[in-house]
């Protein structure tokens, strides 16, 4: 497990059973990972979608809160379209839901493009996916 100079905390996953892992970060958080048909775990594809949802929410948070208040409820859903033949998700659809009914129509109309702009500028996960990040696999055998 190696650490990138751009990653402040190490990230790793340890095998806990057949096709099941626990993912960790250096700050003490963990998440159970496994196949989609197993209970109590997130699949890798679900984690990808959840990362996109969380990043979208976090990126839009201050903009939405500035219009609707710090206690505003925001829900971000993500649907995945899987191409089984290529074993990948060619499309992820993100839906940010916020109740803006208290805003006057003009402010409501300006809020949506402001949210889009904030997400396009700040969401590292969506920017990475859209750019088609490369993956470098390094195999280290011990012993």
N, C-alpha and C. Protein backbone atom coordinates (compact mmCIF):
# COMPACT_ATOMS: atom_id res chain seq x y z
N UNK A 1 0.87 -1.17 0.00
CA UNK A 1 0.00 0.00 0.00
C UNK A 1 0.90 1.23 0.00
N UNK A 2 0.79 2.03 -1.03
CA UNK A 2 1.61 3.24 -1.11
C UNK A 2 0.73 4.46 -1.01
N UNK A 3 1.33 5.56 -0.61
CA UNK A 3 0.59 6.80 -0.39
C UNK A 3 0.99 7.82 -1.44
N UNK A 4 0.02 8.45 -2.07
CA UNK A 4 0.27 9.49 -3.05
C UNK A 4 0.58 10.79 -2.34
N UNK A 5 1.39 11.63 -2.94
CA UNK A 5 1.71 12.90 -2.32
C UNK A 5 0.50 13.83 -2.28
N UNK A 6 -0.50 13.59 -3.14
CA UNK A 6 -1.71 14.41 -3.14
C UNK A 6 -2.77 13.89 -2.19
N UNK A 7 -2.58 12.74 -1.58
CA UNK A 7 -3.56 12.16 -0.67
C UNK A 7 -3.05 12.32 0.76
N UNK A 8 -3.71 13.14 1.57
CA UNK A 8 -3.22 13.38 2.93
C UNK A 8 -3.33 12.17 3.84
N UNK A 9 -4.30 11.30 3.59
CA UNK A 9 -4.49 10.12 4.43
C UNK A 9 -4.39 8.87 3.59
N UNK A 10 -3.76 7.83 4.14
CA UNK A 10 -3.71 6.58 3.39
C UNK A 10 -5.10 5.95 3.27
N UNK A 11 -5.33 5.27 2.17
CA UNK A 11 -6.56 4.52 1.94
C UNK A 11 -6.19 3.10 1.61
N UNK A 12 -6.91 2.13 2.16
CA UNK A 12 -6.63 0.73 1.85
C UNK A 12 -7.85 -0.13 2.14
N UNK A 13 -7.85 -1.31 1.54
CA UNK A 13 -8.92 -2.27 1.78
C UNK A 13 -8.27 -3.60 2.17
N UNK A 14 -8.85 -4.25 3.16
CA UNK A 14 -8.34 -5.53 3.63
C UNK A 14 -9.40 -6.61 3.44
N UNK A 15 -8.96 -7.76 2.98
CA UNK A 15 -9.87 -8.88 2.76
C UNK A 15 -10.39 -9.40 4.11
N UNK A 16 -11.70 -9.59 4.17
CA UNK A 16 -12.33 -10.11 5.39
C UNK A 16 -13.02 -11.44 5.15
N UNK A 17 -13.12 -11.86 3.90
CA UNK A 17 -13.76 -13.11 3.53
C UNK A 17 -13.83 -13.20 2.02
N UNK A 18 -14.54 -14.20 1.51
CA UNK A 18 -14.67 -14.38 0.07
C UNK A 18 -15.36 -13.17 -0.55
N UNK A 19 -14.64 -12.46 -1.39
CA UNK A 19 -15.14 -11.27 -2.09
C UNK A 19 -15.65 -10.17 -1.15
N UNK A 20 -15.21 -10.16 0.07
CA UNK A 20 -15.60 -9.09 1.00
C UNK A 20 -14.34 -8.45 1.59
N UNK A 21 -14.43 -7.14 1.75
CA UNK A 21 -13.31 -6.34 2.22
C UNK A 21 -13.82 -5.28 3.18
N UNK A 22 -12.92 -4.74 3.96
CA UNK A 22 -13.22 -3.54 4.72
C UNK A 22 -12.26 -2.45 4.24
N UNK A 23 -12.84 -1.33 3.80
CA UNK A 23 -12.04 -0.20 3.34
C UNK A 23 -11.78 0.72 4.52
N UNK A 24 -10.59 1.29 4.57
CA UNK A 24 -10.17 2.15 5.69
C UNK A 24 -9.54 3.44 5.17
N UNK A 25 -9.60 4.47 6.02
CA UNK A 25 -8.77 5.65 5.79
C UNK A 25 -7.93 5.90 7.03
N UNK A 26 -6.96 6.77 6.91
CA UNK A 26 -6.05 7.04 8.01
C UNK A 26 -6.68 7.80 9.16
N UNK A 27 -7.92 8.24 9.02
CA UNK A 27 -8.61 8.97 10.09
C UNK A 27 -9.51 8.07 10.92
N UNK A 28 -9.47 6.77 10.66
CA UNK A 28 -10.22 5.82 11.49
C UNK A 28 -11.58 5.41 10.96
N UNK A 29 -11.99 5.88 9.78
CA UNK A 29 -13.28 5.48 9.22
C UNK A 29 -13.13 4.17 8.46
N UNK A 30 -14.22 3.42 8.40
CA UNK A 30 -14.19 2.17 7.64
C UNK A 30 -15.56 1.92 7.00
N UNK A 31 -15.55 1.11 5.96
CA UNK A 31 -16.76 0.75 5.24
C UNK A 31 -16.62 -0.69 4.77
N UNK A 32 -17.71 -1.46 4.91
CA UNK A 32 -17.70 -2.85 4.47
C UNK A 32 -18.04 -2.91 2.97
N UNK A 33 -17.26 -3.69 2.23
CA UNK A 33 -17.37 -3.76 0.78
C UNK A 33 -17.57 -5.22 0.37
N UNK A 34 -18.50 -5.43 -0.55
CA UNK A 34 -18.73 -6.78 -1.04
C UNK A 34 -19.66 -6.76 -2.23
N UNK A 35 -20.12 -7.95 -2.66
CA UNK A 35 -21.00 -8.00 -3.82
C UNK A 35 -22.38 -7.42 -3.53
N UNK A 36 -23.06 -6.94 -4.58
CA UNK A 36 -24.36 -6.29 -4.41
C UNK A 36 -25.42 -7.20 -3.83
N UNK A 37 -25.27 -8.51 -3.94
CA UNK A 37 -26.28 -9.41 -3.40
C UNK A 37 -26.04 -9.79 -1.94
N UNK A 38 -25.01 -9.22 -1.32
CA UNK A 38 -24.71 -9.50 0.09
C UNK A 38 -25.29 -8.41 0.98
N UNK A 39 -25.77 -8.79 2.14
CA UNK A 39 -26.32 -7.84 3.11
C UNK A 39 -25.20 -7.13 3.86
N UNK A 40 -25.46 -5.88 4.25
CA UNK A 40 -24.56 -5.14 5.14
C UNK A 40 -23.28 -4.63 4.52
N UNK A 41 -23.22 -4.61 3.19
CA UNK A 41 -22.02 -4.11 2.52
C UNK A 41 -22.42 -3.16 1.40
N UNK A 42 -21.48 -2.33 1.00
CA UNK A 42 -21.60 -1.55 -0.23
C UNK A 42 -20.79 -2.27 -1.29
N UNK A 43 -21.32 -2.35 -2.50
CA UNK A 43 -20.52 -2.86 -3.61
C UNK A 43 -19.59 -1.74 -4.08
N UNK A 44 -18.51 -2.08 -4.79
CA UNK A 44 -17.65 -1.02 -5.32
C UNK A 44 -18.42 -0.03 -6.20
N UNK A 45 -19.34 -0.52 -7.02
CA UNK A 45 -20.14 0.38 -7.87
C UNK A 45 -21.02 1.31 -7.04
N UNK A 46 -21.57 0.79 -5.95
CA UNK A 46 -22.38 1.63 -5.06
C UNK A 46 -21.51 2.69 -4.39
N UNK A 47 -20.30 2.31 -4.00
CA UNK A 47 -19.39 3.30 -3.38
C UNK A 47 -19.03 4.40 -4.37
N UNK A 48 -18.83 4.03 -5.62
CA UNK A 48 -18.56 5.04 -6.64
C UNK A 48 -19.72 6.02 -6.74
N UNK A 49 -20.94 5.48 -6.79
CA UNK A 49 -22.13 6.32 -6.89
C UNK A 49 -22.33 7.17 -5.63
N UNK A 50 -22.10 6.59 -4.47
CA UNK A 50 -22.23 7.33 -3.21
C UNK A 50 -21.18 8.44 -3.13
N UNK A 51 -19.98 8.15 -3.61
CA UNK A 51 -18.94 9.19 -3.63
C UNK A 51 -19.37 10.35 -4.52
N UNK A 52 -19.97 10.04 -5.65
CA UNK A 52 -20.46 11.09 -6.55
C UNK A 52 -21.60 11.88 -5.89
N UNK A 53 -22.52 11.18 -5.23
CA UNK A 53 -23.62 11.86 -4.54
C UNK A 53 -23.10 12.76 -3.43
N UNK A 54 -22.20 12.24 -2.62
CA UNK A 54 -21.65 13.03 -1.51
C UNK A 54 -20.88 14.23 -1.99
N UNK A 55 -20.08 14.05 -3.03
CA UNK A 55 -19.30 15.15 -3.58
C UNK A 55 -20.20 16.22 -4.19
N UNK A 56 -21.26 15.79 -4.87
CA UNK A 56 -22.21 16.74 -5.44
C UNK A 56 -22.86 17.56 -4.34
N UNK A 57 -23.31 16.89 -3.29
CA UNK A 57 -23.92 17.60 -2.17
C UNK A 57 -22.96 18.56 -1.49
N UNK A 58 -21.77 18.09 -1.22
CA UNK A 58 -20.78 18.94 -0.55
C UNK A 58 -20.40 20.14 -1.40
N UNK A 59 -20.29 19.93 -2.71
CA UNK A 59 -19.90 21.01 -3.63
C UNK A 59 -20.97 22.08 -3.75
N UNK A 60 -22.22 21.68 -3.61
CA UNK A 60 -23.33 22.63 -3.74
C UNK A 60 -23.79 23.19 -2.41
N UNK A 61 -23.31 22.64 -1.33
CA UNK A 61 -23.82 22.92 0.01
C UNK A 61 -23.83 24.41 0.37
N UNK A 62 -22.71 25.07 0.23
CA UNK A 62 -22.66 26.47 0.67
C UNK A 62 -23.54 27.35 -0.19
N UNK A 63 -23.62 27.03 -1.49
CA UNK A 63 -24.46 27.83 -2.39
C UNK A 63 -25.94 27.67 -2.03
N UNK A 64 -26.37 26.44 -1.80
CA UNK A 64 -27.76 26.18 -1.43
C UNK A 64 -28.07 26.78 -0.06
N UNK A 65 -27.18 26.57 0.89
CA UNK A 65 -27.40 27.08 2.25
C UNK A 65 -27.44 28.61 2.27
N UNK A 66 -26.68 29.26 1.39
CA UNK A 66 -26.71 30.72 1.37
C UNK A 66 -28.07 31.25 0.93
N UNK A 67 -28.78 30.49 0.13
CA UNK A 67 -30.12 30.88 -0.33
C UNK A 67 -31.22 30.41 0.61
N UNK A 68 -31.06 29.20 1.18
CA UNK A 68 -32.17 28.57 1.91
C UNK A 68 -31.91 28.36 3.40
N UNK A 69 -30.73 28.74 3.87
CA UNK A 69 -30.43 28.62 5.29
C UNK A 69 -29.59 27.40 5.62
N UNK A 70 -28.90 27.47 6.75
CA UNK A 70 -27.98 26.41 7.14
C UNK A 70 -28.67 25.08 7.46
N UNK A 71 -29.95 25.11 7.76
CA UNK A 71 -30.65 23.87 8.11
C UNK A 71 -31.38 23.26 6.91
N UNK A 72 -31.05 23.69 5.71
CA UNK A 72 -31.71 23.21 4.50
C UNK A 72 -31.47 21.70 4.34
N UNK A 73 -32.51 20.99 3.94
CA UNK A 73 -32.40 19.55 3.66
C UNK A 73 -32.04 19.36 2.20
N UNK A 74 -31.00 18.61 1.96
CA UNK A 74 -30.55 18.30 0.60
C UNK A 74 -30.42 16.78 0.51
N UNK A 75 -30.99 16.21 -0.53
CA UNK A 75 -30.83 14.78 -0.81
C UNK A 75 -30.27 14.65 -2.21
N UNK A 76 -29.26 13.81 -2.35
CA UNK A 76 -28.64 13.60 -3.67
C UNK A 76 -28.74 12.11 -3.99
N UNK A 77 -29.45 11.82 -5.06
CA UNK A 77 -29.57 10.44 -5.52
C UNK A 77 -28.73 10.21 -6.76
N UNK A 78 -28.29 8.98 -6.94
CA UNK A 78 -27.51 8.62 -8.13
C UNK A 78 -28.06 7.30 -8.67
N UNK A 79 -28.32 7.27 -9.96
CA UNK A 79 -28.68 6.02 -10.61
C UNK A 79 -27.55 5.65 -11.58
N UNK A 80 -27.30 4.36 -11.65
CA UNK A 80 -26.22 3.86 -12.49
C UNK A 80 -26.82 3.05 -13.63
N UNK A 81 -26.28 3.24 -14.80
CA UNK A 81 -26.62 2.41 -15.94
C UNK A 81 -25.40 1.54 -16.21
N UNK A 82 -25.57 0.22 -16.10
CA UNK A 82 -24.42 -0.67 -16.26
C UNK A 82 -24.43 -1.32 -17.63
N UNK A 83 -23.26 -1.35 -18.25
CA UNK A 83 -23.04 -2.08 -19.49
C UNK A 83 -22.36 -3.38 -19.07
N UNK A 84 -23.14 -4.47 -18.98
CA UNK A 84 -22.59 -5.75 -18.54
C UNK A 84 -21.52 -6.28 -19.49
N UNK A 85 -21.70 -6.04 -20.78
CA UNK A 85 -20.72 -6.51 -21.76
C UNK A 85 -19.35 -5.91 -21.56
N UNK A 86 -19.31 -4.63 -21.19
CA UNK A 86 -18.04 -3.95 -20.95
C UNK A 86 -17.69 -3.89 -19.46
N UNK A 87 -18.59 -4.35 -18.61
CA UNK A 87 -18.39 -4.36 -17.16
C UNK A 87 -17.99 -2.97 -16.64
N UNK A 88 -18.83 -1.98 -16.98
CA UNK A 88 -18.59 -0.62 -16.53
C UNK A 88 -19.91 0.15 -16.51
N UNK A 89 -19.87 1.33 -15.93
CA UNK A 89 -21.03 2.22 -15.89
C UNK A 89 -20.80 3.35 -16.88
N UNK A 90 -21.40 3.31 -18.06
CA UNK A 90 -21.18 4.38 -19.03
C UNK A 90 -21.92 5.66 -18.67
N UNK A 91 -22.90 5.56 -17.77
CA UNK A 91 -23.68 6.75 -17.43
C UNK A 91 -24.09 6.70 -15.98
N UNK A 92 -23.90 7.81 -15.29
CA UNK A 92 -24.37 8.01 -13.92
C UNK A 92 -25.26 9.24 -13.93
N UNK A 93 -26.44 9.13 -13.38
CA UNK A 93 -27.36 10.27 -13.34
C UNK A 93 -27.49 10.72 -11.89
N UNK A 94 -27.22 11.99 -11.66
CA UNK A 94 -27.26 12.57 -10.33
C UNK A 94 -28.47 13.48 -10.23
N UNK A 95 -29.23 13.34 -9.15
CA UNK A 95 -30.39 14.21 -8.91
C UNK A 95 -30.25 14.82 -7.52
N UNK A 96 -30.09 16.13 -7.49
CA UNK A 96 -30.03 16.88 -6.24
C UNK A 96 -31.43 17.42 -5.97
N UNK A 97 -31.97 17.08 -4.81
CA UNK A 97 -33.33 17.48 -4.45
C UNK A 97 -33.26 18.43 -3.27
N UNK A 98 -33.85 19.62 -3.47
CA UNK A 98 -33.89 20.62 -2.41
C UNK A 98 -35.21 21.37 -2.54
N UNK A 99 -35.84 21.63 -1.43
CA UNK A 99 -37.11 22.36 -1.43
C UNK A 99 -36.82 23.86 -1.49
N UNK A 100 -37.06 24.44 -2.65
CA UNK A 100 -36.83 25.87 -2.85
C UNK A 100 -38.15 26.62 -2.97
N UNK A 101 -39.23 26.03 -2.47
CA UNK A 101 -40.56 26.63 -2.63
C UNK A 101 -40.69 27.97 -1.90
N UNK A 102 -39.86 28.22 -0.91
CA UNK A 102 -39.92 29.49 -0.18
C UNK A 102 -39.22 30.63 -0.91
N UNK A 103 -38.48 30.30 -1.96
CA UNK A 103 -37.78 31.34 -2.71
C UNK A 103 -38.71 31.99 -3.73
N UNK A 104 -38.51 33.27 -3.94
CA UNK A 104 -39.27 33.94 -5.01
C UNK A 104 -38.82 33.35 -6.34
N UNK A 105 -39.69 33.34 -7.35
CA UNK A 105 -39.38 32.68 -8.62
C UNK A 105 -38.05 33.10 -9.25
N UNK A 106 -37.71 34.35 -9.23
CA UNK A 106 -36.45 34.80 -9.83
C UNK A 106 -35.23 34.21 -9.15
N UNK A 107 -35.26 34.17 -7.82
CA UNK A 107 -34.13 33.58 -7.09
C UNK A 107 -34.07 32.08 -7.30
N UNK A 108 -35.22 31.44 -7.38
CA UNK A 108 -35.27 29.99 -7.62
C UNK A 108 -34.67 29.67 -8.99
N UNK A 109 -35.00 30.49 -10.00
CA UNK A 109 -34.46 30.27 -11.35
C UNK A 109 -32.95 30.45 -11.41
N UNK A 110 -32.42 31.34 -10.59
CA UNK A 110 -30.97 31.56 -10.56
C UNK A 110 -30.24 30.51 -9.73
N UNK A 111 -30.96 29.85 -8.83
CA UNK A 111 -30.32 28.88 -7.94
C UNK A 111 -29.82 27.66 -8.71
N UNK A 112 -30.63 27.12 -9.61
CA UNK A 112 -30.24 25.90 -10.32
C UNK A 112 -28.94 26.07 -11.11
N UNK A 113 -28.79 27.09 -11.95
CA UNK A 113 -27.51 27.23 -12.66
C UNK A 113 -26.34 27.51 -11.70
N UNK A 114 -26.61 28.15 -10.58
CA UNK A 114 -25.54 28.40 -9.60
C UNK A 114 -25.08 27.08 -8.97
N UNK A 115 -26.04 26.17 -8.73
CA UNK A 115 -25.68 24.85 -8.20
C UNK A 115 -24.85 24.08 -9.22
N UNK A 116 -25.31 24.09 -10.47
CA UNK A 116 -24.58 23.39 -11.53
C UNK A 116 -23.15 23.92 -11.63
N UNK A 117 -23.00 25.22 -11.61
CA UNK A 117 -21.67 25.84 -11.71
C UNK A 117 -20.79 25.43 -10.53
N UNK A 118 -21.35 25.42 -9.33
CA UNK A 118 -20.58 25.03 -8.14
C UNK A 118 -20.12 23.58 -8.24
N UNK A 119 -21.02 22.70 -8.67
CA UNK A 119 -20.66 21.29 -8.79
C UNK A 119 -19.62 21.10 -9.89
N UNK A 120 -19.79 21.74 -11.02
CA UNK A 120 -18.82 21.63 -12.11
C UNK A 120 -17.44 22.11 -11.68
N UNK A 121 -17.40 23.10 -10.83
CA UNK A 121 -16.12 23.68 -10.40
C UNK A 121 -15.50 22.92 -9.23
N UNK A 122 -16.33 22.42 -8.30
CA UNK A 122 -15.82 21.92 -7.03
C UNK A 122 -15.86 20.41 -6.83
N UNK A 123 -16.68 19.69 -7.57
CA UNK A 123 -16.83 18.26 -7.30
C UNK A 123 -15.69 17.46 -7.95
N UNK A 124 -14.73 17.10 -7.15
CA UNK A 124 -13.56 16.35 -7.62
C UNK A 124 -13.97 15.02 -8.22
N UNK A 125 -14.96 14.36 -7.65
CA UNK A 125 -15.36 13.04 -8.14
C UNK A 125 -15.96 13.15 -9.54
N UNK A 126 -16.90 14.07 -9.75
CA UNK A 126 -17.48 14.19 -11.09
C UNK A 126 -16.45 14.68 -12.10
N UNK A 127 -15.59 15.58 -11.69
CA UNK A 127 -14.55 16.07 -12.59
C UNK A 127 -13.60 14.94 -12.99
N UNK A 128 -13.29 14.07 -12.05
CA UNK A 128 -12.41 12.92 -12.32
C UNK A 128 -13.08 11.93 -13.26
N UNK A 129 -14.35 11.63 -13.00
CA UNK A 129 -15.08 10.70 -13.86
C UNK A 129 -15.22 11.26 -15.27
N UNK A 130 -15.57 12.52 -15.38
CA UNK A 130 -15.75 13.13 -16.69
C UNK A 130 -14.45 13.20 -17.49
N UNK A 131 -13.34 13.35 -16.80
CA UNK A 131 -12.05 13.42 -17.49
C UNK A 131 -11.52 12.04 -17.85
N UNK A 132 -12.13 10.99 -17.30
CA UNK A 132 -11.67 9.63 -17.59
C UNK A 132 -10.32 9.33 -16.99
N UNK A 133 -10.23 9.41 -15.69
CA UNK A 133 -8.96 9.20 -15.00
C UNK A 133 -8.35 7.84 -15.32
N UNK A 134 -7.06 7.83 -15.46
CA UNK A 134 -6.34 6.58 -15.66
C UNK A 134 -6.12 5.88 -14.32
N UNK A 135 -5.86 4.60 -14.38
CA UNK A 135 -5.59 3.81 -13.18
C UNK A 135 -4.28 3.07 -13.38
N UNK A 136 -3.37 3.20 -12.44
CA UNK A 136 -2.09 2.49 -12.47
C UNK A 136 -2.15 1.39 -11.42
N UNK A 137 -2.08 0.14 -11.84
CA UNK A 137 -2.09 -1.00 -10.92
C UNK A 137 -0.67 -1.46 -10.67
N UNK A 138 -0.28 -1.49 -9.40
CA UNK A 138 1.04 -1.96 -9.00
C UNK A 138 0.82 -3.19 -8.13
N UNK A 139 1.50 -4.29 -8.45
CA UNK A 139 1.38 -5.52 -7.69
C UNK A 139 2.64 -5.67 -6.85
N UNK A 140 2.47 -5.85 -5.53
CA UNK A 140 3.58 -6.06 -4.63
C UNK A 140 3.38 -7.41 -3.95
N UNK A 141 4.32 -8.32 -4.13
CA UNK A 141 4.24 -9.61 -3.44
C UNK A 141 5.28 -9.61 -2.33
N UNK A 142 4.87 -10.13 -1.21
CA UNK A 142 5.77 -10.14 -0.06
C UNK A 142 6.27 -11.56 0.19
N UNK A 143 7.45 -11.65 0.78
CA UNK A 143 7.96 -12.96 1.18
C UNK A 143 8.85 -13.62 0.22
